[in-house]
Amino acid sequence: MALSKRTVAIFSLGGTIAMTTDPATGGVVPALSAHELLAAVPALQDLDVELRVHDFRRLPGASLSFDDLSALSDAIADAFRADCDGAVVTQGTDTIEETAYLLDLLHAGEQPIVVTGAMRNPTQPGADGPANIHAAVIAAAATELRGAGTVVVLGDEIHAARSVRKSHSTSPAAFTSPATGPLGRLYEGRVHPRGPLAARTAFPGPLTSPTPRVGMYTATLGDDGTLLATMAEACDGLVVAAFGVGHVPQNFVATLEQTAARIPVVLTSRIGNGPVLEATYSFPGSEKDLLARGLIRGGHLDPYKARLLLHLLLAQGRKADEIVAGFRAMAD
């Protein structure tokens, strides 16, 4: 079925999808403009969609900064105020899951933001960028995704920003949602949702405070806690990627309790699939013990997304009780 006339803003940030060979090094680097990316997808001309193209950045995904993404969020908001029905962001896959989640937290509107990229650069056989761009434009123009917030589209699958993970370093099927599965799929030129869209929480607003330092520390076997104490001293906020359902070595406990009295400390699981519990285990260093000592429960948020949420709330100047409430709203 043909799409009714829609308008989609395209923002290119660089990444593998926009890379070509550097003659000096023989490796690939971000070089293609947004218009050059779209020129490689002639099927876009068959869609009844007006494209407004923005050559926003030309960076590897790993080099994107909070300043870049804050500016991108503002530019997307401007596009929506100018009556765009959706937006597509093309970027490197290294940080797609983080970019998508940060944009999702900042976006309270109904228009979908679709983030896509490529696992194979344009010089390789079977480059997936053109197909992913085509699918992303269809998704951004689709009325079925109004209210979905930010989604990630690769390989004709649609993933919610909150649940998506890059789960393989090279596979074209790298992006998955381990806890939930995809929101839907694209085929025959249309979006096919799996079911009703879940409710979402956003935290729109400017990032007004000085850029906070939010650390992420992963619990590992045999760690004596010395490095944790050193990191904590340098942080404005801290995310702990704990074992299992929220457990750390006993020699972490004193440091975490002292740190939580000074800055927000969020307890997550390093597994990245499944929740931090609240009241099952009670030994020193267990989830019940740590929450009683002032740590904030991260719920189902993986450590990377919890770090982004904490960074955003601190950068917006939120107080301690607002940060706790923010994580409570996102926990399950």
C-alpha atoms as a PDB file:
ATOM      1  CA  MET A   1       0.000   0.000   0.000  1.00  0.00           C
ATOM      2  CA  ALA A   2       1.437   3.398  -0.950  1.00  0.00           C
ATOM      3  CA  LEU A   3       2.292   5.813   1.803  1.00  0.00           C
ATOM      4  CA  SER A   4       0.277   9.032   1.983  1.00  0.00           C
ATOM      5  CA  LYS A   5       2.416  12.121   1.500  1.00  0.00           C
ATOM      6  CA  ARG A   6       4.725  12.435   4.505  1.00  0.00           C
ATOM      7  CA  THR A   7       7.797  14.486   5.359  1.00  0.00           C
ATOM      8  CA  VAL A   8      10.902  12.945   6.957  1.00  0.00           C
ATOM      9  CA  ALA A   9      14.047  14.743   8.123  1.00  0.00           C
ATOM     10  CA  ILE A  10      17.347  12.905   7.540  1.00  0.00           C
ATOM     11  CA  PHE A  11      20.374  13.573   9.741  1.00  0.00           C
ATOM     12  CA  SER A  12      23.672  11.895   8.824  1.00  0.00           C
ATOM     13  CA  LEU A  13      26.378  11.591  11.488  1.00  0.00           C
ATOM     14  CA  GLY A  14      28.976   9.478   9.656  1.00  0.00           C
ATOM     15  CA  GLY A  15      29.906   5.945  10.700  1.00  0.00           C
ATOM     16  CA  THR A  16      30.393   2.761   8.662  1.00  0.00           C
ATOM     17  CA  ILE A  17      27.325   3.502   6.570  1.00  0.00           C
ATOM     18  CA  ALA A  18      29.083   6.647   5.243  1.00  0.00           C
ATOM     19  CA  MET A  19      32.633   5.312   4.893  1.00  0.00           C
ATOM     20  CA  THR A  20      34.885   5.002   1.850  1.00  0.00           C
ATOM     21  CA  THR A  21      38.478   3.890   1.431  1.00  0.00           C
ATOM     22  CA  ASP A  22      41.198   6.346   2.463  1.00  0.00           C
ATOM     23  CA  PRO A  23      43.950   6.079  -0.199  1.00  0.00           C
ATOM     24  CA  ALA A  24      46.602   7.056   2.350  1.00  0.00           C
ATOM     25  CA  THR A  25      45.859   4.264   4.821  1.00  0.00           C
ATOM     26  CA  GLY A  26      43.881   1.677   2.857  1.00  0.00           C
ATOM     27  CA  GLY A  27      41.260   1.642   5.605  1.00  0.00           C
ATOM     28  CA  VAL A  28      37.767   3.132   5.484  1.00  0.00           C
ATOM     29  CA  VAL A  29      36.862   6.488   7.035  1.00  0.00           C
ATOM     30  CA  PRO A  30      33.640   8.571   7.222  1.00  0.00           C
ATOM     31  CA  ALA A  31      33.472  10.585   3.999  1.00  0.00           C
ATOM     32  CA  LEU A  32      30.063  10.382   2.326  1.00  0.00           C
ATOM     33  CA  SER A  33      27.625  13.244   2.725  1.00  0.00           C
ATOM     34  CA  ALA A  34      23.960  12.738   3.527  1.00  0.00           C
ATOM     35  CA  HIS A  35      23.038  13.456  -0.093  1.00  0.00           C
ATOM     36  CA  GLU A  36      25.577  10.896  -1.315  1.00  0.00           C
ATOM     37  CA  LEU A  37      24.104   8.297   1.044  1.00  0.00           C
ATOM     38  CA  LEU A  38      20.611   8.897  -0.274  1.00  0.00           C
ATOM     39  CA  ALA A  39      21.790   8.849  -3.904  1.00  0.00           C
ATOM     40  CA  ALA A  40      22.790   5.213  -3.342  1.00  0.00           C
ATOM     41  CA  VAL A  41      19.138   4.349  -2.545  1.00  0.00           C
ATOM     42  CA  PRO A  42      17.178   5.020  -5.758  1.00  0.00           C
ATOM     43  CA  ALA A  43      14.150   3.170  -4.332  1.00  0.00           C
ATOM     44  CA  LEU A  44      13.530   6.211  -2.120  1.00  0.00           C
ATOM     45  CA  GLN A  45      12.206   7.972  -5.206  1.00  0.00           C
ATOM     46  CA  ASP A  46       9.340   5.485  -5.327  1.00  0.00           C
ATOM     47  CA  LEU A  47       8.116   6.507  -1.871  1.00  0.00           C
ATOM     48  CA  ASP A  48       5.644   9.355  -1.570  1.00  0.00           C
ATOM     49  CA  VAL A  49       7.860  10.976   1.071  1.00  0.00           C
ATOM     50  CA  GLU A  50       9.484  14.392   1.067  1.00  0.00           C
ATOM     51  CA  LEU A  51      13.022  14.194   2.466  1.00  0.00           C
ATOM     52  CA  ARG A  52      14.671  17.144   4.225  1.00  0.00           C
ATOM     53  CA  VAL A  53      18.365  16.314   4.368  1.00  0.00           C
ATOM     54  CA  HIS A  54      20.885  17.502   6.975  1.00  0.00           C
ATOM     55  CA  ASP A  55      24.603  16.670   6.677  1.00  0.00           C
ATOM     56  CA  PHE A  56      25.060  16.922  10.450  1.00  0.00           C
ATOM     57  CA  ARG A  57      28.394  15.265  11.334  1.00  0.00           C
ATOM     58  CA  ARG A  58      31.008  13.016   9.680  1.00  0.00           C
ATOM     59  CA  LEU A  59      32.399  11.074  12.617  1.00  0.00           C
ATOM     60  CA  PRO A  60      32.926   7.453  13.616  1.00  0.00           C
ATOM     61  CA  GLY A  61      30.243   6.349  16.073  1.00  0.00           C
ATOM     62  CA  ALA A  62      32.838   6.018  18.831  1.00  0.00           C
ATOM     63  CA  SER A  63      33.755   9.711  18.533  1.00  0.00           C
ATOM     64  CA  LEU A  64      30.268  11.168  19.020  1.00  0.00           C
ATOM     65  CA  SER A  65      29.960  13.298  22.153  1.00  0.00           C
ATOM     66  CA  PHE A  66      27.152  14.402  24.450  1.00  0.00           C
ATOM     67  CA  ASP A  67      27.439  17.849  22.873  1.00  0.00           C
ATOM     68  CA  ASP A  68      26.896  16.313  19.413  1.00  0.00           C
ATOM     69  CA  LEU A  69      23.829  14.420  20.569  1.00  0.00           C
ATOM     70  CA  SER A  70      22.359  17.340  22.481  1.00  0.00           C
ATOM     71  CA  ALA A  71      22.704  19.464  19.330  1.00  0.00           C
ATOM     72  CA  LEU A  72      21.170  16.640  17.291  1.00  0.00           C
ATOM     73  CA  SER A  73      18.190  16.397  19.654  1.00  0.00           C
ATOM     74  CA  ASP A  74      17.623  20.147  19.296  1.00  0.00           C
ATOM     75  CA  ALA A  75      17.873  19.934  15.496  1.00  0.00           C
ATOM     76  CA  ILE A  76      15.353  17.075  15.382  1.00  0.00           C
ATOM     77  CA  ALA A  77      12.982  19.074  17.596  1.00  0.00           C
ATOM     78  CA  ASP A  78      13.310  21.990  15.157  1.00  0.00           C
ATOM     79  CA  ALA A  79      12.444  19.637  12.290  1.00  0.00           C
ATOM     80  CA  PHE A  80       9.336  18.455  14.104  1.00  0.00           C
ATOM     81  CA  ARG A  81       8.290  22.046  14.767  1.00  0.00           C
ATOM     82  CA  ALA A  82       8.653  22.559  11.009  1.00  0.00           C
ATOM     83  CA  ASP A  83       6.013  19.844  10.469  1.00  0.00           C
ATOM     84  CA  CYS A  84       8.192  16.816   9.756  1.00  0.00           C
ATOM     85  CA  ASP A  85       6.320  13.592  10.454  1.00  0.00           C
ATOM     86  CA  GLY A  86       9.432  11.665  11.498  1.00  0.00           C
ATOM     87  CA  ALA A  87      13.218  11.725  11.514  1.00  0.00           C
ATOM     88  CA  VAL A  88      15.961   9.333  10.454  1.00  0.00           C
ATOM     89  CA  VAL A  89      19.462   9.389  11.941  1.00  0.00           C
ATOM     90  CA  THR A  90      22.266   7.511  10.176  1.00  0.00           C
ATOM     91  CA  GLN A  91      25.401   6.815  12.207  1.00  0.00           C
ATOM     92  CA  GLY A  92      28.072   4.326  13.188  1.00  0.00           C
ATOM     93  CA  THR A  93      26.786   1.161  14.825  1.00  0.00           C
ATOM     94  CA  ASP A  94      29.336   1.296  17.676  1.00  0.00           C
ATOM     95  CA  THR A  95      27.107   3.686  19.629  1.00  0.00           C
ATOM     96  CA  ILE A  96      23.673   3.285  18.033  1.00  0.00           C
ATOM     97  CA  GLU A  97      22.125   1.790  21.161  1.00  0.00           C
ATOM     98  CA  GLU A  98      23.372   4.711  23.248  1.00  0.00           C
ATOM     99  CA  THR A  99      22.465   7.450  20.770  1.00  0.00           C
ATOM    100  CA  ALA A 100      18.991   6.005  20.326  1.00  0.00           C
ATOM    101  CA  TYR A 101      18.337   5.807  24.060  1.00  0.00           C
ATOM    102  CA  LEU A 102      19.553   9.349  24.766  1.00  0.00           C
ATOM    103  CA  LEU A 103      17.376  10.709  21.941  1.00  0.00           C
ATOM    104  CA  ASP A 104      14.463   8.697  23.306  1.00  0.00           C
ATOM    105  CA  LEU A 105      14.869  10.194  26.789  1.00  0.00           C
ATOM    106  CA  LEU A 106      14.875  13.730  25.391  1.00  0.00           C
ATOM    107  CA  HIS A 107      11.963  13.275  22.975  1.00  0.00           C
ATOM    108  CA  ALA A 108       8.453  13.654  24.370  1.00  0.00           C
ATOM    109  CA  GLY A 109       6.633  14.077  21.043  1.00  0.00           C
ATOM    110  CA  GLU A 110       4.615  11.640  18.983  1.00  0.00           C
ATOM    111  CA  GLN A 111       6.808  11.674  15.865  1.00  0.00           C
ATOM    112  CA  PRO A 112       9.106   8.648  15.555  1.00  0.00           C
ATOM    113  CA  ILE A 113      12.878   9.026  15.487  1.00  0.00           C
ATOM    114  CA  VAL A 114      14.527   6.143  13.609  1.00  0.00           C
ATOM    115  CA  VAL A 115      18.237   5.446  14.060  1.00  0.00           C
ATOM    116  CA  THR A 116      19.992   3.224  11.534  1.00  0.00           C
ATOM    117  CA  GLY A 117      23.446   2.353  10.249  1.00  0.00           C
ATOM    118  CA  ALA A 118      25.325  -0.427   8.521  1.00  0.00           C
ATOM    119  CA  MET A 119      27.475  -3.347   9.552  1.00  0.00           C
ATOM    120  CA  ARG A 120      29.117  -3.529   6.097  1.00  0.00           C
ATOM    121  CA  ASN A 121      30.648  -0.391   4.619  1.00  0.00           C
ATOM    122  CA  PRO A 122      29.810   0.681   1.038  1.00  0.00           C
ATOM    123  CA  THR A 123      33.028  -0.834  -0.376  1.00  0.00           C
ATOM    124  CA  GLN A 124      32.062  -4.372   0.715  1.00  0.00           C
ATOM    125  CA  PRO A 125      29.910  -6.917  -1.133  1.00  0.00           C
ATOM    126  CA  GLY A 126      26.392  -6.972   0.297  1.00  0.00           C
ATOM    127  CA  ALA A 127      26.651  -3.558   1.941  1.00  0.00           C
ATOM    128  CA  ASP A 128      23.522  -3.200   4.063  1.00  0.00           C
ATOM    129  CA  GLY A 129      23.385   0.589   4.323  1.00  0.00           C
ATOM    130  CA  PRO A 130      21.042   1.312   1.378  1.00  0.00           C
ATOM    131  CA  ALA A 131      18.454  -1.257   2.495  1.00  0.00           C
ATOM    132  CA  ASN A 132      18.600   0.028   6.066  1.00  0.00           C
ATOM    133  CA  ILE A 133      18.130   3.650   4.952  1.00  0.00           C
ATOM    134  CA  HIS A 134      15.159   2.658   2.788  1.00  0.00           C
ATOM    135  CA  ALA A 135      13.561   0.770   5.690  1.00  0.00           C
ATOM    136  CA  ALA A 136      14.299   3.609   8.124  1.00  0.00           C
ATOM    137  CA  VAL A 137      12.542   6.181   5.922  1.00  0.00           C
ATOM    138  CA  ILE A 138       9.486   3.929   5.625  1.00  0.00           C
ATOM    139  CA  ALA A 139       9.467   3.491   9.405  1.00  0.00           C
ATOM    140  CA  ALA A 140       9.857   7.204  10.112  1.00  0.00           C
ATOM    141  CA  ALA A 141       6.940   7.994   7.792  1.00  0.00           C
ATOM    142  CA  ALA A 142       4.695   5.267   9.218  1.00  0.00           C
ATOM    143  CA  THR A 143       1.707   6.283  11.306  1.00  0.00           C
ATOM    144  CA  GLU A 144       2.001   2.925  13.103  1.00  0.00           C
ATOM    145  CA  LEU A 145       5.093   4.202  14.946  1.00  0.00           C
ATOM    146  CA  ARG A 146       3.614   7.453  16.238  1.00  0.00           C
ATOM    147  CA  GLY A 147       4.220   7.444  19.984  1.00  0.00           C
ATOM    148  CA  ALA A 148       7.022   4.881  19.763  1.00  0.00           C
ATOM    149  CA  GLY A 149       9.713   7.453  20.616  1.00  0.00           C
ATOM    150  CA  THR A 150      13.094   6.474  19.222  1.00  0.00           C
ATOM    151  CA  VAL A 151      13.580   3.126  17.517  1.00  0.00           C
ATOM    152  CA  VAL A 152      16.485   1.359  15.844  1.00  0.00           C
ATOM    153  CA  VAL A 153      15.922  -0.176  12.400  1.00  0.00           C
ATOM    154  CA  LEU A 154      18.430  -2.561  10.822  1.00  0.00           C
ATOM    155  CA  GLY A 155      17.842  -5.728   8.843  1.00  0.00           C
ATOM    156  CA  ASP A 156      14.114  -4.895   8.504  1.00  0.00           C
ATOM    157  CA  GLU A 157      13.648  -5.236  12.274  1.00  0.00           C
ATOM    158  CA  ILE A 158      12.339  -2.432  14.517  1.00  0.00           C
ATOM    159  CA  HIS A 159      13.749  -2.282  18.039  1.00  0.00           C
ATOM    160  CA  ALA A 160      12.783   0.008  20.906  1.00  0.00           C
ATOM    161  CA  ALA A 161      15.631   2.266  22.023  1.00  0.00           C
ATOM    162  CA  ARG A 162      15.210   1.128  25.615  1.00  0.00           C
ATOM    163  CA  SER A 163      15.752  -2.563  24.875  1.00  0.00           C
ATOM    164  CA  VAL A 164      18.068  -2.719  21.845  1.00  0.00           C
ATOM    165  CA  ARG A 165      21.618  -4.027  22.120  1.00  0.00           C
ATOM    166  CA  LYS A 166      24.445  -4.504  19.663  1.00  0.00           C
ATOM    167  CA  SER A 167      25.017  -8.170  20.381  1.00  0.00           C
ATOM    168  CA  HIS A 168      27.660  -9.081  17.793  1.00  0.00           C
ATOM    169  CA  SER A 169      30.719  -7.167  16.630  1.00  0.00           C
ATOM    170  CA  THR A 170      30.507  -8.031  12.899  1.00  0.00           C
ATOM    171  CA  SER A 171      27.257  -9.826  12.016  1.00  0.00           C
ATOM    172  CA  PRO A 172      24.740  -8.003   9.795  1.00  0.00           C
ATOM    173  CA  ALA A 173      22.152  -9.267  12.307  1.00  0.00           C
ATOM    174  CA  ALA A 174      23.996  -7.626  15.203  1.00  0.00           C
ATOM    175  CA  PHE A 175      21.080  -5.699  16.706  1.00  0.00           C
ATOM    176  CA  THR A 176      18.701  -7.539  19.008  1.00  0.00           C
ATOM    177  CA  SER A 177      16.387  -6.870  21.931  1.00  0.00           C
ATOM    178  CA  PRO A 178      17.267  -9.741  24.291  1.00  0.00           C
ATOM    179  CA  ALA A 179      14.555  -9.041  26.858  1.00  0.00           C
ATOM    180  CA  THR A 180      11.622  -8.242  24.587  1.00  0.00           C
ATOM    181  CA  GLY A 181      12.324  -9.079  20.957  1.00  0.00           C
ATOM    182  CA  PRO A 182      11.707  -6.507  18.212  1.00  0.00           C
ATOM    183  CA  LEU A 183       8.770  -4.082  18.256  1.00  0.00           C
ATOM    184  CA  GLY A 184       7.956  -5.121  14.742  1.00  0.00           C
ATOM    185  CA  ARG A 185       9.289  -5.752  11.260  1.00  0.00           C
ATOM    186  CA  LEU A 186       9.157  -4.253   7.802  1.00  0.00           C
ATOM    187  CA  TYR A 187       8.090  -6.171   4.735  1.00  0.00           C
ATOM    188  CA  GLU A 188       6.339  -5.316   1.466  1.00  0.00           C
ATOM    189  CA  GLY A 189       7.106  -1.663   2.108  1.00  0.00           C
ATOM    190  CA  ARG A 190       5.156  -1.408   5.357  1.00  0.00           C
ATOM    191  CA  VAL A 191       5.663  -1.424   9.109  1.00  0.00           C
ATOM    192  CA  HIS A 192       4.130  -4.407  10.889  1.00  0.00           C
ATOM    193  CA  PRO A 193       4.095  -3.939  14.681  1.00  0.00           C
ATOM    194  CA  ARG A 194       4.044  -7.024  16.907  1.00  0.00           C
ATOM    195  CA  GLY A 195       1.461  -5.442  19.188  1.00  0.00           C
ATOM    196  CA  PRO A 196       0.443  -2.214  20.917  1.00  0.00           C
ATOM    197  CA  LEU A 197       3.260   0.221  21.681  1.00  0.00           C
ATOM    198  CA  ALA A 198       4.408   0.264  25.296  1.00  0.00           C
ATOM    199  CA  ALA A 199       4.113   3.400  27.406  1.00  0.00           C
ATOM    200  CA  ARG A 200       7.327   5.400  27.639  1.00  0.00           C
ATOM    201  CA  THR A 201       8.798   8.066  29.905  1.00  0.00           C
ATOM    202  CA  ALA A 202      10.782  11.034  28.598  1.00  0.00           C
ATOM    203  CA  PHE A 203      12.810  13.740  30.311  1.00  0.00           C
ATOM    204  CA  PRO A 204      12.819  16.639  27.864  1.00  0.00           C
ATOM    205  CA  GLY A 205      14.718  19.779  28.701  1.00  0.00           C
ATOM    206  CA  PRO A 206      18.027  21.540  28.172  1.00  0.00           C
ATOM    207  CA  LEU A 207      21.289  20.163  29.546  1.00  0.00           C
ATOM    208  CA  THR A 208      22.163  23.221  31.612  1.00  0.00           C
ATOM    209  CA  SER A 209      24.641  21.998  34.217  1.00  0.00           C
ATOM    210  CA  PRO A 210      28.368  21.516  33.550  1.00  0.00           C
ATOM    211  CA  THR A 211      28.932  18.153  31.867  1.00  0.00           C
ATOM    212  CA  PRO A 212      28.856  15.573  34.673  1.00  0.00           C
ATOM    213  CA  ARG A 213      31.367  12.743  34.977  1.00  0.00           C
ATOM    214  CA  VAL A 214      29.346   9.564  35.296  1.00  0.00           C
ATOM    215  CA  GLY A 215      31.456   6.472  35.774  1.00  0.00           C
ATOM    216  CA  MET A 216      30.533   2.864  35.111  1.00  0.00           C
ATOM    217  CA  TYR A 217      32.293   0.219  37.161  1.00  0.00           C
ATOM    218  CA  THR A 218      31.942  -3.498  36.456  1.00  0.00           C
ATOM    219  CA  ALA A 219      32.177  -6.038  39.263  1.00  0.00           C
ATOM    220  CA  THR A 220      34.614  -8.857  38.481  1.00  0.00           C
ATOM    221  CA  LEU A 221      35.814 -11.944  40.328  1.00  0.00           C
ATOM    222  CA  GLY A 222      38.532 -11.231  42.877  1.00  0.00           C
ATOM    223  CA  ASP A 223      38.381  -7.409  42.688  1.00  0.00           C
ATOM    224  CA  ASP A 224      39.570  -5.957  46.000  1.00  0.00           C
ATOM    225  CA  GLY A 225      37.721  -2.650  45.509  1.00  0.00           C
ATOM    226  CA  THR A 226      40.782  -0.385  45.250  1.00  0.00           C
ATOM    227  CA  LEU A 227      40.035   0.681  41.684  1.00  0.00           C
ATOM    228  CA  LEU A 228      36.375   1.256  42.564  1.00  0.00           C
ATOM    229  CA  ALA A 229      37.342   3.651  45.354  1.00  0.00           C
ATOM    230  CA  THR A 230      39.698   5.522  43.031  1.00  0.00           C
ATOM    231  CA  MET A 231      37.063   5.889  40.314  1.00  0.00           C
ATOM    232  CA  ALA A 232      34.332   6.926  42.734  1.00  0.00           C
ATOM    233  CA  GLU A 233      36.388   9.882  43.956  1.00  0.00           C
ATOM    234  CA  ALA A 234      36.443  11.353  40.444  1.00  0.00           C
ATOM    235  CA  CYS A 235      32.726  10.907  39.675  1.00  0.00           C
ATOM    236  CA  ASP A 236      29.617  13.072  39.907  1.00  0.00           C
ATOM    237  CA  GLY A 237      27.532   9.943  39.518  1.00  0.00           C
ATOM    238  CA  LEU A 238      28.323   6.228  39.376  1.00  0.00           C
ATOM    239  CA  VAL A 239      26.725   3.163  37.807  1.00  0.00           C
ATOM    240  CA  VAL A 240      27.719  -0.231  39.197  1.00  0.00           C
ATOM    241  CA  ALA A 241      27.434  -3.169  36.808  1.00  0.00           C
ATOM    242  CA  ALA A 242      26.985  -5.857  39.429  1.00  0.00           C
ATOM    243  CA  PHE A 243      26.916  -9.641  39.250  1.00  0.00           C
ATOM    244  CA  GLY A 244      23.609 -11.385  38.587  1.00  0.00           C
ATOM    245  CA  VAL A 245      20.580  -9.718  40.148  1.00  0.00           C
ATOM    246  CA  GLY A 246      22.635  -6.976  41.818  1.00  0.00           C
ATOM    247  CA  HIS A 247      25.493  -8.458  43.865  1.00  0.00           C
ATOM    248  CA  VAL A 248      29.036  -7.175  44.486  1.00  0.00           C
ATOM    249  CA  PRO A 249      32.010  -8.438  46.505  1.00  0.00           C
ATOM    250  CA  GLN A 250      31.770  -7.690  50.218  1.00  0.00           C
ATOM    251  CA  ASN A 251      34.818  -5.451  50.075  1.00  0.00           C
ATOM    252  CA  PHE A 252      32.894  -3.055  47.769  1.00  0.00           C
ATOM    253  CA  VAL A 253      30.230  -2.371  50.377  1.00  0.00           C
ATOM    254  CA  ALA A 254      31.882   0.318  52.511  1.00  0.00           C
ATOM    255  CA  THR A 255      33.058   2.268  49.465  1.00  0.00           C
ATOM    256  CA  LEU A 256      29.639   2.138  47.825  1.00  0.00           C
ATOM    257  CA  GLU A 257      27.851   3.228  50.996  1.00  0.00           C
ATOM    258  CA  GLN A 258      30.213   6.185  51.440  1.00  0.00           C
ATOM    259  CA  THR A 259      29.927   7.113  47.768  1.00  0.00           C
ATOM    260  CA  ALA A 260      26.118   6.907  47.780  1.00  0.00           C
ATOM    261  CA  ALA A 261      26.068   9.427  50.625  1.00  0.00           C
ATOM    262  CA  ARG A 262      27.870  11.906  48.357  1.00  0.00           C
ATOM    263  CA  ILE A 263      26.665  11.230  44.796  1.00  0.00           C
ATOM    264  CA  PRO A 264      23.948   9.106  43.131  1.00  0.00           C
ATOM    265  CA  VAL A 265      25.033   5.481  42.704  1.00  0.00           C
ATOM    266  CA  VAL A 266      22.885   3.249  40.493  1.00  0.00           C
ATOM    267  CA  LEU A 267      22.861  -0.536  40.858  1.00  0.00           C
ATOM    268  CA  THR A 268      22.521  -2.499  37.597  1.00  0.00           C
ATOM    269  CA  SER A 269      23.350  -5.980  36.374  1.00  0.00           C
ATOM    270  CA  ARG A 270      26.342  -6.583  34.125  1.00  0.00           C
ATOM    271  CA  ILE A 271      24.326  -9.319  32.347  1.00  0.00           C
ATOM    272  CA  GLY A 272      22.226  -6.760  30.470  1.00  0.00           C
ATOM    273  CA  ASN A 273      19.111  -8.953  30.323  1.00  0.00           C
ATOM    274  CA  GLY A 274      16.843  -9.224  33.336  1.00  0.00           C
ATOM    275  CA  PRO A 275      16.250  -7.060  36.400  1.00  0.00           C
ATOM    276  CA  VAL A 276      18.145  -6.050  39.482  1.00  0.00           C
ATOM    277  CA  LEU A 277      16.036  -7.472  42.313  1.00  0.00           C
ATOM    278  CA  GLU A 278      14.902  -5.635  45.448  1.00  0.00           C
ATOM    279  CA  ALA A 279      14.297  -8.001  48.318  1.00  0.00           C
ATOM    280  CA  THR A 280      15.490 -11.576  47.747  1.00  0.00           C
ATOM    281  CA  TYR A 281      19.113 -11.740  48.940  1.00  0.00           C
ATOM    282  CA  SER A 282      20.316  -9.982  52.075  1.00  0.00           C
ATOM    283  CA  PHE A 283      24.017 -10.869  52.584  1.00  0.00           C
ATOM    284  CA  PRO A 284      26.554  -8.003  52.598  1.00  0.00           C
ATOM    285  CA  GLY A 285      26.900  -6.890  49.002  1.00  0.00           C
ATOM    286  CA  SER A 286      23.505  -8.253  47.956  1.00  0.00           C
ATOM    287  CA  GLU A 287      20.850  -6.158  46.242  1.00  0.00           C
ATOM    288  CA  LYS A 288      18.755  -5.762  49.422  1.00  0.00           C
ATOM    289  CA  ASP A 289      21.827  -4.747  51.430  1.00  0.00           C
ATOM    290  CA  LEU A 290      23.051  -2.243  48.818  1.00  0.00           C
ATOM    291  CA  LEU A 291      19.666  -0.600  48.300  1.00  0.00           C
ATOM    292  CA  ALA A 292      19.371  -0.166  52.073  1.00  0.00           C
ATOM    293  CA  ARG A 293      22.730   1.619  51.999  1.00  0.00           C
ATOM    294  CA  GLY A 294      21.440   4.245  49.567  1.00  0.00           C
ATOM    295  CA  LEU A 295      22.091   2.833  46.110  1.00  0.00           C
ATOM    296  CA  ILE A 296      19.435   3.439  43.435  1.00  0.00           C
ATOM    297  CA  ARG A 297      17.860   0.422  41.756  1.00  0.00           C
ATOM    298  CA  GLY A 298      18.398   0.327  37.991  1.00  0.00           C
ATOM    299  CA  GLY A 299      15.672  -2.251  37.411  1.00  0.00           C
ATOM    300  CA  HIS A 300      15.810  -3.649  33.877  1.00  0.00           C
ATOM    301  CA  LEU A 301      18.112  -0.922  32.543  1.00  0.00           C
ATOM    302  CA  ASP A 302      21.465  -2.250  31.385  1.00  0.00           C
ATOM    303  CA  PRO A 303      24.550  -0.408  32.715  1.00  0.00           C
ATOM    304  CA  TYR A 304      25.081   1.609  29.522  1.00  0.00           C
ATOM    305  CA  LYS A 305      21.537   2.943  29.445  1.00  0.00           C
ATOM    306  CA  ALA A 306      21.517   3.587  33.192  1.00  0.00           C
ATOM    307  CA  ARG A 307      24.655   5.683  32.730  1.00  0.00           C
ATOM    308  CA  LEU A 308      22.928   7.742  30.026  1.00  0.00           C
ATOM    309  CA  LEU A 309      19.843   8.318  32.162  1.00  0.00           C
ATOM    310  CA  LEU A 310      21.957   9.352  35.153  1.00  0.00           C
ATOM    311  CA  HIS A 311      24.071  11.653  32.971  1.00  0.00           C
ATOM    312  CA  LEU A 312      20.942  13.292  31.556  1.00  0.00           C
ATOM    313  CA  LEU A 313      19.303  13.845  34.942  1.00  0.00           C
ATOM    314  CA  LEU A 314      22.497  15.316  36.407  1.00  0.00           C
ATOM    315  CA  ALA A 315      23.059  17.519  33.355  1.00  0.00           C
ATOM    316  CA  GLN A 316      19.510  18.833  33.728  1.00  0.00           C
ATOM    317  CA  GLY A 317      20.310  19.842  37.307  1.00  0.00           C
ATOM    318  CA  ARG A 318      17.892  17.365  38.890  1.00  0.00           C
ATOM    319  CA  LYS A 319      17.985  16.977  42.661  1.00  0.00           C
ATOM    320  CA  ALA A 320      18.588  13.689  44.474  1.00  0.00           C
ATOM    321  CA  ASP A 321      14.898  12.895  44.984  1.00  0.00           C
ATOM    322  CA  GLU A 322      14.158  13.654  41.319  1.00  0.00           C
ATOM    323  CA  ILE A 323      16.926  11.280  40.236  1.00  0.00           C
ATOM    324  CA  VAL A 324      15.515   8.507  42.418  1.00  0.00           C
ATOM    325  CA  ALA A 325      12.034   9.164  41.010  1.00  0.00           C
ATOM    326  CA  GLY A 326      13.414   9.154  37.463  1.00  0.00           C
ATOM    327  CA  PHE A 327      14.960   5.733  37.888  1.00  0.00           C
ATOM    328  CA  ARG A 328      11.860   4.442  39.625  1.00  0.00           C
ATOM    329  CA  ALA A 329       9.825   5.489  36.593  1.00  0.00           C
ATOM    330  CA  MET A 330      12.168   3.602  34.268  1.00  0.00           C
ATOM    331  CA  ALA A 331      12.990   0.609  36.458  1.00  0.00           C
ATOM    332  CA  ASP A 332      10.500  -1.980  35.194  1.00  0.00           C
END
